[in-house]
Amino acid sequence: MAERITCPTLICEAEEDIFFAGQPEAVYSHLTCPKTLMRFSACEGAGAHCHSGAQRLAFGRILNWLDETFAAEP
């Protein structure tokens, strides 16, 4: 199903996510659209599910990706 996505897509992966371990890479590998795999590490405090230990960092990086990816869009 991921092959049908056509818009730029951001996949986030938390290093120590016990709920979705391995799934971000699986989805990423099936995407054929412009794609980015953004990894968050435990040493950043963002290794848990939803980056709960470093949401400020995660939101900043995600918002920067949105800005960089869609700022040039008409």
C-alpha atoms as a PDB file:
ATOM      1  CA  MET A   1       0.000   0.000   0.000  1.00  0.00           C
ATOM      2  CA  ALA A   2       2.889   2.397   0.707  1.00  0.00           C
ATOM      3  CA  GLU A   3       3.807   2.264  -2.979  1.00  0.00           C
ATOM      4  CA  ARG A   4       0.660   4.268  -3.728  1.00  0.00           C
ATOM      5  CA  ILE A   5       1.781   7.301  -1.706  1.00  0.00           C
ATOM      6  CA  THR A   6       2.957  10.066  -4.033  1.00  0.00           C
ATOM      7  CA  CYS A   7       3.651  13.073  -1.799  1.00  0.00           C
ATOM      8  CA  PRO A   8       6.968  13.593   0.016  1.00  0.00           C
ATOM      9  CA  THR A   9       6.872  11.429   3.120  1.00  0.00           C
ATOM     10  CA  LEU A  10       8.706  11.598   6.432  1.00  0.00           C
ATOM     11  CA  ILE A  11       9.175   8.393   8.397  1.00  0.00           C
ATOM     12  CA  CYS A  12      10.406   8.798  11.976  1.00  0.00           C
ATOM     13  CA  GLU A  13      12.187   6.050  13.866  1.00  0.00           C
ATOM     14  CA  ALA A  14      12.929   5.979  17.577  1.00  0.00           C
ATOM     15  CA  GLU A  15      15.978   3.873  18.398  1.00  0.00           C
ATOM     16  CA  GLU A  16      14.407   2.066  21.354  1.00  0.00           C
ATOM     17  CA  ASP A  17      10.742   1.981  20.258  1.00  0.00           C
ATOM     18  CA  ILE A  18       9.368  -1.287  21.620  1.00  0.00           C
ATOM     19  CA  PHE A  19       5.979  -0.878  19.942  1.00  0.00           C
ATOM     20  CA  PHE A  20       6.995  -0.356  16.303  1.00  0.00           C
ATOM     21  CA  ALA A  21      10.501  -1.824  16.143  1.00  0.00           C
ATOM     22  CA  GLY A  22      11.462  -2.458  12.520  1.00  0.00           C
ATOM     23  CA  GLN A  23       8.300  -0.986  11.047  1.00  0.00           C
ATOM     24  CA  PRO A  24       9.697   2.419  10.041  1.00  0.00           C
ATOM     25  CA  GLU A  25      12.345   0.762   7.835  1.00  0.00           C
ATOM     26  CA  ALA A  26       9.761  -1.598   6.341  1.00  0.00           C
ATOM     27  CA  VAL A  27       7.459   1.250   5.349  1.00  0.00           C
ATOM     28  CA  TYR A  28      10.386   3.341   4.109  1.00  0.00           C
ATOM     29  CA  SER A  29      11.608   0.528   1.860  1.00  0.00           C
ATOM     30  CA  HIS A  30       8.189   0.281   0.168  1.00  0.00           C
ATOM     31  CA  LEU A  31       7.843   3.990  -0.563  1.00  0.00           C
ATOM     32  CA  THR A  32       8.513   5.070  -4.136  1.00  0.00           C
ATOM     33  CA  CYS A  33       7.828   8.786  -3.534  1.00  0.00           C
ATOM     34  CA  PRO A  34      10.375  11.320  -2.282  1.00  0.00           C
ATOM     35  CA  LYS A  35      11.107  10.051   1.215  1.00  0.00           C
ATOM     36  CA  THR A  36      13.149  10.713   4.331  1.00  0.00           C
ATOM     37  CA  LEU A  37      13.895   8.382   7.229  1.00  0.00           C
ATOM     38  CA  MET A  38      14.558  10.513  10.312  1.00  0.00           C
ATOM     39  CA  ARG A  39      16.189   8.611  13.144  1.00  0.00           C
ATOM     40  CA  PHE A  40      16.058   9.649  16.775  1.00  0.00           C
ATOM     41  CA  SER A  41      18.523   8.199  19.258  1.00  0.00           C
ATOM     42  CA  ALA A  42      18.445   7.377  22.929  1.00  0.00           C
ATOM     43  CA  CYS A  43      21.500   9.587  23.546  1.00  0.00           C
ATOM     44  CA  GLU A  44      19.413  12.536  22.273  1.00  0.00           C
ATOM     45  CA  GLY A  45      16.716  11.537  24.758  1.00  0.00           C
ATOM     46  CA  ALA A  46      14.429  10.744  21.823  1.00  0.00           C
ATOM     47  CA  GLY A  47      14.845   6.988  21.590  1.00  0.00           C
ATOM     48  CA  ALA A  48      11.467   6.049  23.060  1.00  0.00           C
ATOM     49  CA  HIS A  49       8.132   5.682  21.254  1.00  0.00           C
ATOM     50  CA  CYS A  50       6.933   9.093  19.970  1.00  0.00           C
ATOM     51  CA  HIS A  51      10.257  10.583  21.110  1.00  0.00           C
ATOM     52  CA  SER A  52       8.632  11.309  24.459  1.00  0.00           C
ATOM     53  CA  GLY A  53      11.913  12.194  26.154  1.00  0.00           C
ATOM     54  CA  ALA A  54      12.764  14.908  23.640  1.00  0.00           C
ATOM     55  CA  GLN A  55       9.611  16.150  21.979  1.00  0.00           C
ATOM     56  CA  ARG A  56      11.057  19.620  21.590  1.00  0.00           C
ATOM     57  CA  LEU A  57      13.949  18.183  19.568  1.00  0.00           C
ATOM     58  CA  ALA A  58      11.618  15.947  17.559  1.00  0.00           C
ATOM     59  CA  PHE A  59       9.148  18.712  16.768  1.00  0.00           C
ATOM     60  CA  GLY A  60      11.982  21.023  15.747  1.00  0.00           C
ATOM     61  CA  ARG A  61      13.470  18.489  13.355  1.00  0.00           C
ATOM     62  CA  ILE A  62      10.069  17.521  11.942  1.00  0.00           C
ATOM     63  CA  LEU A  63       9.029  21.144  11.424  1.00  0.00           C
ATOM     64  CA  ASN A  64      12.384  21.884   9.751  1.00  0.00           C
ATOM     65  CA  TRP A  65      11.775  18.943   7.387  1.00  0.00           C
ATOM     66  CA  LEU A  66       8.315  20.278   6.563  1.00  0.00           C
ATOM     67  CA  ASP A  67       9.722  23.737   5.917  1.00  0.00           C
ATOM     68  CA  GLU A  68      12.568  22.456   3.735  1.00  0.00           C
ATOM     69  CA  THR A  69      10.378  19.985   1.862  1.00  0.00           C
ATOM     70  CA  PHE A  70       7.362  22.149   1.144  1.00  0.00           C
ATOM     71  CA  ALA A  71       8.765  25.700   1.133  1.00  0.00           C
ATOM     72  CA  ALA A  72       9.652  25.386  -2.558  1.00  0.00           C
ATOM     73  CA  GLU A  73       6.273  23.901  -3.481  1.00  0.00           C
ATOM     74  CA  PRO A  74       3.999  26.231  -5.489  1.00  0.00           C
END
